[in-house]
Structures are given as structure tokens and as C-alpha cells.
Amino acid sequence: MKTTPTYKAVHTYKSPVFNVYSIEKYRLAMVLGKMYFSIVAVEPATSKCVLWEHYEIFNADSPSQSVEAIKGLVSQHFCLNAGFWHSISIAVSSDQFCFVPSAYFEESAKTDYLQLNTHLENSQGVESMFLPQPDAYCVFAIDERIRNFWQMIYPQKTLKFSHQIASFLLSLQQIPTVQNDQYLHLLLQDGGFYAIHFKKNQFDFANWFKFGTVQDFLYYVLLLVEQLGLDARSAQIWLYGNVSKKSDLYAHLIQYLDKVQFGTTMPKIELGTDWENLPAQQVFGTLGLLAV
């Protein structure tokens, strides 16, 4: 018997200054993965984060099925289905992406680039977005059912679609101090993690790693430390996304690496004092969408 996809709220935050009657002032960003859905809203005039919600999704085999899980949420949400946000950015989280240097990029060939390392379904389209640094295009797949759903919800808006890895990179690039040769940034989501590394303050490496056990996670992280030429004694591992000091992943990682810490938020986005009990590292990757 087929199980119906469902969702559960994990974190919900609404700033006291949020005004449901002034939604046109706020920039909205969302990330949809196979196992989660995140929402963040920022007021551009003050750079204050006024809304953040994170949901776990169950019994979904793909992001398109995740849409089925959250349809009820969107229709009943106190403001998510409003059509007059200042801007709306939507990212998909998947392993179907690649980076192409702009010197070699041709829009007409973007599907060919992506098919070199992933299989595309008939229901999927291919998008690209330019990233000034590293002067490359992020090419990614998006299920047309996802695109059609959001365009139906916001028919009067020009939606900005992107990929979670691009959002993560944009977030990191707004904090120059973390673009260190000995830093490795890991964003944990959807039963895997995105990894980004900088070299000489320039974007150097990005990839996605799927893992099923703590041992798999440790293997991939330690392999990255070795393959990227990091010094195991001084390499600093930054963790973002669905991870905390209470998780087994963190407990095992600190047994092998001395410098493990959690990423915070971007300096250009203000989080109020009422954020003290919320995991700022989880909202980090979503905030990058507001730089798109």
C-alpha cells in the first residue's frame, strides 16, 4: 500500500516585528528537498530576519513528491500563499547539479553538461544560474511539477529558481573570513551533505555526498580532508544544516578532528535576541537565496 507523504514542523520562528499586512516589504526564500522544506523571510530595509520555518517531510521519494506533502501547508499557512511578497526565491536540493566555467558555457548545451553525471527524467527541466565568483554557471535539474506548483501559487510574480548548493556558496561568500584554505564547509541535508572548499580565498571545490551511516559520513569527510590537501591537525570543519552538538555525527567527528564548529548566520542579516534558542546553522543555507 502506498504511503501518503506528510510533513511535521520542527522549528517555527516569527519575529515580533513581522507584520502580516506588510508582506510586500519582505523578501521570501524557500528550499525544497526530498526530506525537508525551509522558509525564510527578510525585511530588506532593516536586514532583519522576520520569519523562519523548517519542516521535515516523510514518505517522499523525490522533491516532486515533497510538493504533494506541503500542498496543505501552503494552502493553510497564515501568509505563505500571499501573492504580494517583495520577491520570491525557490531552491531545490538534490544531487543533480554541476558547475561549468563561463568560458565554456553555452545555454543551448546546458542539458548536455548535466547529463554527463546524472540521469534526467522526462518530467525534469534544466536551469542555469550565473555565479560571478567563480565566474561559472551552476546547472541543475528541476522537476516541472515543482515549477508549475509554485507558479500556480504565485502567478503574478517572477520567481527565481536556483539550487541549494548555489545558495550555500552565496552564503559563504558573504563572509570572507571563512574562505580559508584550511576550512571545509559541510551542509547536512536529505541524508547527505554538500561540501565546499575555498583555496586562496577563491571557490575551489563543491560536491554532494550521500551517506547511510555515521561511518560513511566519517569516511567521506576524512577522505575530503586528505584529497583537498588539508592539514588534519589544523583543518577546521564548519557544520551547517541539520546537525547539532547532540547528534551522533558531531560526536564521532570530534573524535577524529580537533577543530569542528558550527556555522552561524551572515553578517548582512540581523537575527534578534529571541533567536538565542534556535539553531542558526540550519537557516544559513536558506539565507543565501536572498543574495540571488
C-alpha atoms as a PDB file:
ATOM      1  CA  MET A   1       0.000   0.000   0.000  1.00  0.00           C
ATOM      2  CA  LYS A   2       1.369   3.402  -0.998  1.00  0.00           C
ATOM      3  CA  THR A   3       2.092   5.735   1.921  1.00  0.00           C
ATOM      4  CA  THR A   4       0.994   9.350   1.608  1.00  0.00           C
ATOM      5  CA  PRO A   5       3.796  11.935   2.010  1.00  0.00           C
ATOM      6  CA  THR A   6       3.388  14.050   5.132  1.00  0.00           C
ATOM      7  CA  TYR A   7       5.248  16.836   6.943  1.00  0.00           C
ATOM      8  CA  LYS A   8       5.998  17.931  10.506  1.00  0.00           C
ATOM      9  CA  ALA A   9       7.065  21.334  11.810  1.00  0.00           C
ATOM     10  CA  VAL A  10      10.473  21.206  13.512  1.00  0.00           C
ATOM     11  CA  HIS A  11      11.265  24.900  14.026  1.00  0.00           C
ATOM     12  CA  THR A  12       8.973  27.888  13.624  1.00  0.00           C
ATOM     13  CA  TYR A  13      10.001  31.449  14.337  1.00  0.00           C
ATOM     14  CA  LYS A  14       8.141  34.694  13.724  1.00  0.00           C
ATOM     15  CA  SER A  15       9.708  37.962  14.826  1.00  0.00           C
ATOM     16  CA  PRO A  16       7.578  40.299  16.932  1.00  0.00           C
ATOM     17  CA  VAL A  17       8.118  42.952  14.237  1.00  0.00           C
ATOM     18  CA  PHE A  18       6.645  40.760  11.480  1.00  0.00           C
ATOM     19  CA  ASN A  19       3.519  42.390  10.064  1.00  0.00           C
ATOM     20  CA  VAL A  20       1.219  40.149   8.036  1.00  0.00           C
ATOM     21  CA  TYR A  21      -0.339  43.272   6.499  1.00  0.00           C
ATOM     22  CA  SER A  22       3.021  44.440   5.143  1.00  0.00           C
ATOM     23  CA  ILE A  23       4.167  41.333   3.303  1.00  0.00           C
ATOM     24  CA  GLU A  24       5.036  43.420   0.269  1.00  0.00           C
ATOM     25  CA  LYS A  25       8.070  44.649   2.268  1.00  0.00           C
ATOM     26  CA  TYR A  26       9.598  41.199   2.769  1.00  0.00           C
ATOM     27  CA  ARG A  27      11.794  39.011   0.598  1.00  0.00           C
ATOM     28  CA  LEU A  28      10.782  35.341   0.767  1.00  0.00           C
ATOM     29  CA  ALA A  29      13.105  32.384   0.165  1.00  0.00           C
ATOM     30  CA  MET A  30      12.323  28.673   0.281  1.00  0.00           C
ATOM     31  CA  VAL A  31      14.309  25.464  -0.089  1.00  0.00           C
ATOM     32  CA  LEU A  32      12.593  22.210  -1.031  1.00  0.00           C
ATOM     33  CA  GLY A  33      14.369  18.893  -0.612  1.00  0.00           C
ATOM     34  CA  LYS A  34      13.190  15.325  -0.545  1.00  0.00           C
ATOM     35  CA  MET A  35      13.086  15.282   3.250  1.00  0.00           C
ATOM     36  CA  TYR A  36      12.698  18.913   4.275  1.00  0.00           C
ATOM     37  CA  PHE A  37      11.175  22.289   3.472  1.00  0.00           C
ATOM     38  CA  SER A  38      12.532  25.589   4.799  1.00  0.00           C
ATOM     39  CA  ILE A  39      11.107  29.110   4.663  1.00  0.00           C
ATOM     40  CA  VAL A  40      12.850  32.370   5.500  1.00  0.00           C
ATOM     41  CA  ALA A  41      11.763  35.990   5.111  1.00  0.00           C
ATOM     42  CA  VAL A  42      13.869  39.130   5.483  1.00  0.00           C
ATOM     43  CA  GLU A  43      12.953  42.801   5.551  1.00  0.00           C
ATOM     44  CA  PRO A  44      15.362  44.491   3.099  1.00  0.00           C
ATOM     45  CA  ALA A  45      15.124  47.937   4.711  1.00  0.00           C
ATOM     46  CA  THR A  46      16.453  46.691   8.059  1.00  0.00           C
ATOM     47  CA  SER A  47      18.109  43.383   7.020  1.00  0.00           C
ATOM     48  CA  LYS A  48      16.139  41.688   9.797  1.00  0.00           C
ATOM     49  CA  CYS A  49      15.095  38.055   9.532  1.00  0.00           C
ATOM     50  CA  VAL A  50      11.401  38.171  10.401  1.00  0.00           C
ATOM     51  CA  LEU A  51      10.294  34.610   9.644  1.00  0.00           C
ATOM     52  CA  TRP A  52      11.898  31.176   9.593  1.00  0.00           C
ATOM     53  CA  GLU A  53      10.203  27.790   9.478  1.00  0.00           C
ATOM     54  CA  HIS A  54      11.698  24.346   8.978  1.00  0.00           C
ATOM     55  CA  TYR A  55       9.674  21.203   8.237  1.00  0.00           C
ATOM     56  CA  GLU A  56      10.620  17.556   7.949  1.00  0.00           C
ATOM     57  CA  ILE A  57       8.964  15.619   5.131  1.00  0.00           C
ATOM     58  CA  PHE A  58       8.175  11.921   5.398  1.00  0.00           C
ATOM     59  CA  ASN A  59       7.392   9.189   2.858  1.00  0.00           C
ATOM     60  CA  ALA A  60       8.519  11.214  -0.151  1.00  0.00           C
ATOM     61  CA  ASP A  61      10.874   9.673  -2.695  1.00  0.00           C
ATOM     62  CA  SER A  62      11.604  12.878  -4.604  1.00  0.00           C
ATOM     63  CA  PRO A  63      11.245  16.657  -4.290  1.00  0.00           C
ATOM     64  CA  SER A  64       8.190  16.474  -6.566  1.00  0.00           C
ATOM     65  CA  GLN A  65       6.538  14.155  -4.032  1.00  0.00           C
ATOM     66  CA  SER A  66       7.582  16.588  -1.322  1.00  0.00           C
ATOM     67  CA  VAL A  67       5.393  19.159  -3.048  1.00  0.00           C
ATOM     68  CA  GLU A  68       2.448  16.834  -2.517  1.00  0.00           C
ATOM     69  CA  ALA A  69       3.264  16.741   1.195  1.00  0.00           C
ATOM     70  CA  ILE A  70       3.334  20.520   1.620  1.00  0.00           C
ATOM     71  CA  LYS A  71       0.358  21.481  -0.537  1.00  0.00           C
ATOM     72  CA  GLY A  72      -1.865  21.509   2.507  1.00  0.00           C
ATOM     73  CA  LEU A  73       0.662  23.572   4.442  1.00  0.00           C
ATOM     74  CA  VAL A  74       0.886  26.183   1.701  1.00  0.00           C
ATOM     75  CA  SER A  75      -2.884  26.479   1.332  1.00  0.00           C
ATOM     76  CA  GLN A  76      -3.457  26.885   5.087  1.00  0.00           C
ATOM     77  CA  HIS A  77      -0.370  28.904   6.010  1.00  0.00           C
ATOM     78  CA  PHE A  78      -1.038  32.297   7.554  1.00  0.00           C
ATOM     79  CA  CYS A  79       0.999  34.122   4.904  1.00  0.00           C
ATOM     80  CA  LEU A  80       2.855  31.697   2.609  1.00  0.00           C
ATOM     81  CA  ASN A  81       0.161  31.720  -0.065  1.00  0.00           C
ATOM     82  CA  ALA A  82       0.069  35.532  -0.229  1.00  0.00           C
ATOM     83  CA  GLY A  83       0.975  36.708  -3.709  1.00  0.00           C
ATOM     84  CA  PHE A  84       2.422  40.127  -2.943  1.00  0.00           C
ATOM     85  CA  TRP A  85       5.824  39.413  -1.379  1.00  0.00           C
ATOM     86  CA  HIS A  86       8.585  41.813  -2.395  1.00  0.00           C
ATOM     87  CA  SER A  87      10.417  38.917  -4.112  1.00  0.00           C
ATOM     88  CA  ILE A  88      10.328  35.119  -4.049  1.00  0.00           C
ATOM     89  CA  SER A  89      13.310  32.786  -4.437  1.00  0.00           C
ATOM     90  CA  ILE A  90      12.983  28.993  -4.528  1.00  0.00           C
ATOM     91  CA  ALA A  91      15.787  26.444  -4.421  1.00  0.00           C
ATOM     92  CA  VAL A  92      15.724  22.706  -4.924  1.00  0.00           C
ATOM     93  CA  SER A  93      18.018  20.389  -3.003  1.00  0.00           C
ATOM     94  CA  SER A  94      19.333  17.396  -4.963  1.00  0.00           C
ATOM     95  CA  ASP A  95      22.470  15.761  -6.322  1.00  0.00           C
ATOM     96  CA  GLN A  96      21.581  16.814  -9.879  1.00  0.00           C
ATOM     97  CA  PHE A  97      23.873  19.790 -10.422  1.00  0.00           C
ATOM     98  CA  CYS A  98      27.218  20.732 -11.915  1.00  0.00           C
ATOM     99  CA  PHE A  99      29.397  23.816 -12.360  1.00  0.00           C
ATOM    100  CA  VAL A 100      30.519  24.967 -15.801  1.00  0.00           C
ATOM    101  CA  PRO A 101      33.135  27.743 -16.250  1.00  0.00           C
ATOM    102  CA  SER A 102      31.568  30.649 -18.127  1.00  0.00           C
ATOM    103  CA  ALA A 103      34.255  30.465 -20.827  1.00  0.00           C
ATOM    104  CA  TYR A 104      32.936  27.020 -21.801  1.00  0.00           C
ATOM    105  CA  PHE A 105      29.241  27.544 -21.113  1.00  0.00           C
ATOM    106  CA  GLU A 106      26.590  27.584 -23.815  1.00  0.00           C
ATOM    107  CA  GLU A 107      22.952  27.937 -22.817  1.00  0.00           C
ATOM    108  CA  SER A 108      21.817  25.579 -25.566  1.00  0.00           C
ATOM    109  CA  ALA A 109      24.088  22.831 -24.209  1.00  0.00           C
ATOM    110  CA  LYS A 110      23.167  23.021 -20.517  1.00  0.00           C
ATOM    111  CA  THR A 111      21.273  19.704 -20.617  1.00  0.00           C
ATOM    112  CA  ASP A 112      24.321  18.007 -22.119  1.00  0.00           C
ATOM    113  CA  TYR A 113      26.546  19.283 -19.306  1.00  0.00           C
ATOM    114  CA  LEU A 114      24.226  17.902 -16.657  1.00  0.00           C
ATOM    115  CA  GLN A 115      23.696  14.542 -18.341  1.00  0.00           C
ATOM    116  CA  LEU A 116      27.406  13.828 -18.090  1.00  0.00           C
ATOM    117  CA  ASN A 117      26.937  12.904 -14.423  1.00  0.00           C
ATOM    118  CA  THR A 118      23.213  12.366 -13.836  1.00  0.00           C
ATOM    119  CA  HIS A 119      20.154  10.791 -15.401  1.00  0.00           C
ATOM    120  CA  LEU A 120      17.269  13.122 -16.213  1.00  0.00           C
ATOM    121  CA  GLU A 121      13.616  12.096 -16.160  1.00  0.00           C
ATOM    122  CA  ASN A 122      11.137  13.274 -18.793  1.00  0.00           C
ATOM    123  CA  SER A 123       9.423  15.380 -16.128  1.00  0.00           C
ATOM    124  CA  GLN A 124      12.588  17.353 -15.403  1.00  0.00           C
ATOM    125  CA  GLY A 125      13.787  20.570 -16.934  1.00  0.00           C
ATOM    126  CA  VAL A 126      17.271  22.076 -16.706  1.00  0.00           C
ATOM    127  CA  GLU A 127      18.070  25.536 -15.361  1.00  0.00           C
ATOM    128  CA  SER A 128      21.268  27.536 -15.048  1.00  0.00           C
ATOM    129  CA  MET A 129      22.337  30.483 -12.939  1.00  0.00           C
ATOM    130  CA  PHE A 130      25.475  32.581 -13.219  1.00  0.00           C
ATOM    131  CA  LEU A 131      27.761  32.928 -10.208  1.00  0.00           C
ATOM    132  CA  PRO A 132      30.143  35.911 -10.509  1.00  0.00           C
ATOM    133  CA  GLN A 133      32.663  34.177  -8.302  1.00  0.00           C
ATOM    134  CA  PRO A 134      33.884  31.653  -9.532  1.00  0.00           C
ATOM    135  CA  ASP A 135      32.783  33.061 -12.919  1.00  0.00           C
ATOM    136  CA  ALA A 136      30.815  29.898 -13.611  1.00  0.00           C
ATOM    137  CA  TYR A 137      27.281  28.652 -14.146  1.00  0.00           C
ATOM    138  CA  CYS A 138      25.513  26.333 -11.761  1.00  0.00           C
ATOM    139  CA  VAL A 139      23.457  23.976 -13.938  1.00  0.00           C
ATOM    140  CA  PHE A 140      20.748  21.962 -12.190  1.00  0.00           C
ATOM    141  CA  ALA A 141      17.633  19.891 -12.759  1.00  0.00           C
ATOM    142  CA  ILE A 142      14.185  20.875 -11.572  1.00  0.00           C
ATOM    143  CA  ASP A 143      11.021  18.822 -11.807  1.00  0.00           C
ATOM    144  CA  GLU A 144       8.414  20.653 -13.837  1.00  0.00           C
ATOM    145  CA  ARG A 145       5.778  19.692 -11.264  1.00  0.00           C
ATOM    146  CA  ILE A 146       7.698  21.750  -8.699  1.00  0.00           C
ATOM    147  CA  ARG A 147       7.970  24.721 -11.028  1.00  0.00           C
ATOM    148  CA  ASN A 148       4.310  24.529 -12.036  1.00  0.00           C
ATOM    149  CA  PHE A 149       3.139  24.299  -8.432  1.00  0.00           C
ATOM    150  CA  TRP A 150       4.930  27.444  -7.289  1.00  0.00           C
ATOM    151  CA  GLN A 151       3.960  29.360 -10.407  1.00  0.00           C
ATOM    152  CA  MET A 152       0.347  28.429  -9.686  1.00  0.00           C
ATOM    153  CA  ILE A 153       0.694  29.747  -6.118  1.00  0.00           C
ATOM    154  CA  TYR A 154       2.356  32.990  -7.273  1.00  0.00           C
ATOM    155  CA  PRO A 155       1.020  33.646 -10.794  1.00  0.00           C
ATOM    156  CA  GLN A 156       1.786  37.379 -10.686  1.00  0.00           C
ATOM    157  CA  LYS A 157       5.396  37.058  -9.523  1.00  0.00           C
ATOM    158  CA  THR A 158       8.623  36.397 -11.399  1.00  0.00           C
ATOM    159  CA  LEU A 159      10.071  33.512  -9.420  1.00  0.00           C
ATOM    160  CA  LYS A 160      13.815  32.963  -9.023  1.00  0.00           C
ATOM    161  CA  PHE A 161      14.689  29.268  -9.137  1.00  0.00           C
ATOM    162  CA  SER A 162      18.105  28.048  -8.016  1.00  0.00           C
ATOM    163  CA  HIS A 163      19.880  25.130  -6.369  1.00  0.00           C
ATOM    164  CA  GLN A 164      20.768  24.625  -2.714  1.00  0.00           C
ATOM    165  CA  ILE A 165      24.485  24.327  -3.495  1.00  0.00           C
ATOM    166  CA  ALA A 166      24.432  27.780  -5.137  1.00  0.00           C
ATOM    167  CA  SER A 167      22.598  29.221  -2.136  1.00  0.00           C
ATOM    168  CA  PHE A 168      25.167  27.691   0.211  1.00  0.00           C
ATOM    169  CA  LEU A 169      28.055  29.089  -1.821  1.00  0.00           C
ATOM    170  CA  LEU A 170      26.497  32.554  -1.935  1.00  0.00           C
ATOM    171  CA  SER A 171      26.042  32.459   1.834  1.00  0.00           C
ATOM    172  CA  LEU A 172      29.687  31.570   2.431  1.00  0.00           C
ATOM    173  CA  GLN A 173      30.952  34.213   0.023  1.00  0.00           C
ATOM    174  CA  GLN A 174      29.326  36.919   2.128  1.00  0.00           C
ATOM    175  CA  ILE A 175      31.696  36.027   4.992  1.00  0.00           C
ATOM    176  CA  PRO A 176      35.253  36.483   3.652  1.00  0.00           C
ATOM    177  CA  THR A 177      36.779  35.275   6.918  1.00  0.00           C
ATOM    178  CA  VAL A 178      35.519  31.713   6.317  1.00  0.00           C
ATOM    179  CA  GLN A 179      37.122  31.457   2.863  1.00  0.00           C
ATOM    180  CA  ASN A 180      40.280  29.959   4.300  1.00  0.00           C
ATOM    181  CA  ASP A 181      42.420  27.218   2.719  1.00  0.00           C
ATOM    182  CA  GLN A 182      42.163  25.082   5.851  1.00  0.00           C
ATOM    183  CA  TYR A 183      38.374  25.369   6.193  1.00  0.00           C
ATOM    184  CA  LEU A 184      35.931  22.753   4.895  1.00  0.00           C
ATOM    185  CA  HIS A 185      32.226  23.669   4.901  1.00  0.00           C
ATOM    186  CA  LEU A 186      29.588  20.938   5.163  1.00  0.00           C
ATOM    187  CA  LEU A 187      25.833  21.493   4.790  1.00  0.00           C
ATOM    188  CA  LEU A 188      23.943  18.420   6.007  1.00  0.00           C
ATOM    189  CA  GLN A 189      20.520  17.785   4.460  1.00  0.00           C
ATOM    190  CA  ASP A 190      18.459  14.971   2.908  1.00  0.00           C
ATOM    191  CA  GLY A 191      20.613  12.060   4.110  1.00  0.00           C
ATOM    192  CA  GLY A 192      23.819  13.547   2.748  1.00  0.00           C
ATOM    193  CA  PHE A 193      25.937  16.680   2.737  1.00  0.00           C
ATOM    194  CA  TYR A 194      27.155  19.396   0.403  1.00  0.00           C
ATOM    195  CA  ALA A 195      30.858  20.154   0.728  1.00  0.00           C
ATOM    196  CA  ILE A 196      32.518  23.437  -0.276  1.00  0.00           C
ATOM    197  CA  HIS A 197      36.180  24.391  -0.061  1.00  0.00           C
ATOM    198  CA  PHE A 198      37.993  27.638  -0.837  1.00  0.00           C
ATOM    199  CA  LYS A 199      41.631  27.987  -1.843  1.00  0.00           C
ATOM    200  CA  LYS A 200      43.434  31.315  -1.680  1.00  0.00           C
ATOM    201  CA  ASN A 201      40.059  32.933  -0.924  1.00  0.00           C
ATOM    202  CA  GLN A 202      38.626  31.590  -4.184  1.00  0.00           C
ATOM    203  CA  PHE A 203      35.968  28.922  -4.711  1.00  0.00           C
ATOM    204  CA  ASP A 204      37.831  25.650  -5.251  1.00  0.00           C
ATOM    205  CA  PHE A 205      35.559  22.618  -4.794  1.00  0.00           C
ATOM    206  CA  ALA A 206      31.908  21.639  -4.353  1.00  0.00           C
ATOM    207  CA  ASN A 207      30.167  18.284  -4.331  1.00  0.00           C
ATOM    208  CA  TRP A 208      27.375  16.230  -2.776  1.00  0.00           C
ATOM    209  CA  PHE A 209      27.921  13.066  -0.727  1.00  0.00           C
ATOM    210  CA  LYS A 210      25.159  10.676   0.268  1.00  0.00           C
ATOM    211  CA  PHE A 211      25.690   8.576   3.374  1.00  0.00           C
ATOM    212  CA  GLY A 212      23.677   5.976   5.245  1.00  0.00           C
ATOM    213  CA  THR A 213      25.687   5.547   8.440  1.00  0.00           C
ATOM    214  CA  VAL A 214      27.896   7.579  10.738  1.00  0.00           C
ATOM    215  CA  GLN A 215      30.838   5.547   9.463  1.00  0.00           C
ATOM    216  CA  ASP A 216      30.032   6.560   5.876  1.00  0.00           C
ATOM    217  CA  PHE A 217      29.925  10.204   6.930  1.00  0.00           C
ATOM    218  CA  LEU A 218      33.292   9.976   8.692  1.00  0.00           C
ATOM    219  CA  TYR A 219      34.847   8.208   5.717  1.00  0.00           C
ATOM    220  CA  TYR A 220      33.792  10.908   3.251  1.00  0.00           C
ATOM    221  CA  VAL A 221      34.828  13.807   5.499  1.00  0.00           C
ATOM    222  CA  LEU A 222      38.242  12.341   6.265  1.00  0.00           C
ATOM    223  CA  LEU A 223      38.722  11.495   2.583  1.00  0.00           C
ATOM    224  CA  LEU A 224      37.946  15.092   1.662  1.00  0.00           C
ATOM    225  CA  VAL A 225      40.427  16.383   4.227  1.00  0.00           C
ATOM    226  CA  GLU A 226      43.079  14.179   2.630  1.00  0.00           C
ATOM    227  CA  GLN A 227      42.176  14.784  -1.025  1.00  0.00           C
ATOM    228  CA  LEU A 228      41.916  18.557  -0.628  1.00  0.00           C
ATOM    229  CA  GLY A 229      45.359  18.657   0.941  1.00  0.00           C
ATOM    230  CA  LEU A 230      44.179  19.921   4.316  1.00  0.00           C
ATOM    231  CA  ASP A 231      46.287  19.531   7.430  1.00  0.00           C
ATOM    232  CA  ALA A 232      44.370  17.119   9.686  1.00  0.00           C
ATOM    233  CA  ARG A 233      45.686  18.923  12.775  1.00  0.00           C
ATOM    234  CA  SER A 234      44.679  22.418  11.700  1.00  0.00           C
ATOM    235  CA  ALA A 235      41.787  21.748   9.299  1.00  0.00           C
ATOM    236  CA  GLN A 236      38.625  23.403  10.563  1.00  0.00           C
ATOM    237  CA  ILE A 237      35.317  21.718   9.738  1.00  0.00           C
ATOM    238  CA  TRP A 238      32.294  24.016   9.658  1.00  0.00           C
ATOM    239  CA  LEU A 239      28.901  22.357  10.019  1.00  0.00           C
ATOM    240  CA  TYR A 240      25.602  23.762   8.759  1.00  0.00           C
ATOM    241  CA  GLY A 241      22.094  22.450   8.251  1.00  0.00           C
ATOM    242  CA  ASN A 242      20.504  19.515  10.017  1.00  0.00           C
ATOM    243  CA  VAL A 243      23.164  18.856  12.657  1.00  0.00           C
ATOM    244  CA  SER A 244      23.750  19.870  16.272  1.00  0.00           C
ATOM    245  CA  LYS A 245      26.059  19.132  19.196  1.00  0.00           C
ATOM    246  CA  LYS A 246      23.626  16.422  20.278  1.00  0.00           C
ATOM    247  CA  SER A 247      23.918  14.476  17.013  1.00  0.00           C
ATOM    248  CA  ASP A 248      25.944  11.271  16.615  1.00  0.00           C
ATOM    249  CA  LEU A 249      27.604  12.740  13.537  1.00  0.00           C
ATOM    250  CA  TYR A 250      29.123  15.557  15.571  1.00  0.00           C
ATOM    251  CA  ALA A 251      30.092  13.264  18.456  1.00  0.00           C
ATOM    252  CA  HIS A 252      32.020  10.933  16.153  1.00  0.00           C
ATOM    253  CA  LEU A 253      33.555  13.694  14.031  1.00  0.00           C
ATOM    254  CA  ILE A 254      35.233  15.409  17.002  1.00  0.00           C
ATOM    255  CA  GLN A 255      36.963  12.122  17.848  1.00  0.00           C
ATOM    256  CA  TYR A 256      38.989  12.416  14.642  1.00  0.00           C
ATOM    257  CA  LEU A 257      39.243  16.147  14.009  1.00  0.00           C
ATOM    258  CA  ASP A 258      40.138  18.725  16.654  1.00  0.00           C
ATOM    259  CA  LYS A 259      38.552  21.785  15.096  1.00  0.00           C
ATOM    260  CA  VAL A 260      34.864  21.284  14.413  1.00  0.00           C
ATOM    261  CA  GLN A 261      32.416  24.145  14.808  1.00  0.00           C
ATOM    262  CA  PHE A 262      29.006  25.293  13.667  1.00  0.00           C
ATOM    263  CA  GLY A 263      28.430  27.972  11.102  1.00  0.00           C
ATOM    264  CA  THR A 264      26.413  30.998  12.097  1.00  0.00           C
ATOM    265  CA  THR A 265      24.440  33.439  10.010  1.00  0.00           C
ATOM    266  CA  MET A 266      25.549  36.068   7.505  1.00  0.00           C
ATOM    267  CA  PRO A 267      26.678  39.466   8.797  1.00  0.00           C
ATOM    268  CA  LYS A 268      24.279  41.252   6.448  1.00  0.00           C
ATOM    269  CA  ILE A 269      21.246  39.553   8.037  1.00  0.00           C
ATOM    270  CA  GLU A 270      20.234  40.521  11.552  1.00  0.00           C
ATOM    271  CA  LEU A 271      18.855  37.885  13.919  1.00  0.00           C
ATOM    272  CA  GLY A 272      17.174  39.228  17.030  1.00  0.00           C
ATOM    273  CA  THR A 273      17.976  38.221  20.595  1.00  0.00           C
ATOM    274  CA  ASP A 274      14.923  35.944  20.514  1.00  0.00           C
ATOM    275  CA  TRP A 275      16.944  33.658  18.196  1.00  0.00           C
ATOM    276  CA  GLU A 276      19.088  32.503  21.106  1.00  0.00           C
ATOM    277  CA  ASN A 277      17.447  29.078  21.377  1.00  0.00           C
ATOM    278  CA  LEU A 278      17.202  28.450  17.622  1.00  0.00           C
ATOM    279  CA  PRO A 279      19.869  26.676  15.516  1.00  0.00           C
ATOM    280  CA  ALA A 280      21.296  29.465  13.371  1.00  0.00           C
ATOM    281  CA  GLN A 281      23.378  26.945  11.403  1.00  0.00           C
ATOM    282  CA  GLN A 282      20.157  25.499   9.951  1.00  0.00           C
ATOM    283  CA  VAL A 283      18.925  28.736   8.446  1.00  0.00           C
ATOM    284  CA  PHE A 284      22.311  29.632   6.942  1.00  0.00           C
ATOM    285  CA  GLY A 285      21.935  27.872   3.600  1.00  0.00           C
ATOM    286  CA  THR A 286      18.472  29.292   3.014  1.00  0.00           C
ATOM    287  CA  LEU A 287      19.542  32.886   3.625  1.00  0.00           C
ATOM    288  CA  GLY A 288      21.916  32.662   0.687  1.00  0.00           C
ATOM    289  CA  LEU A 289      18.925  32.645  -1.633  1.00  0.00           C
ATOM    290  CA  LEU A 290      18.312  36.268  -0.715  1.00  0.00           C
ATOM    291  CA  ALA A 291      21.608  37.129  -2.383  1.00  0.00           C
ATOM    292  CA  VAL A 292      20.448  35.647  -5.711  1.00  0.00           C
END
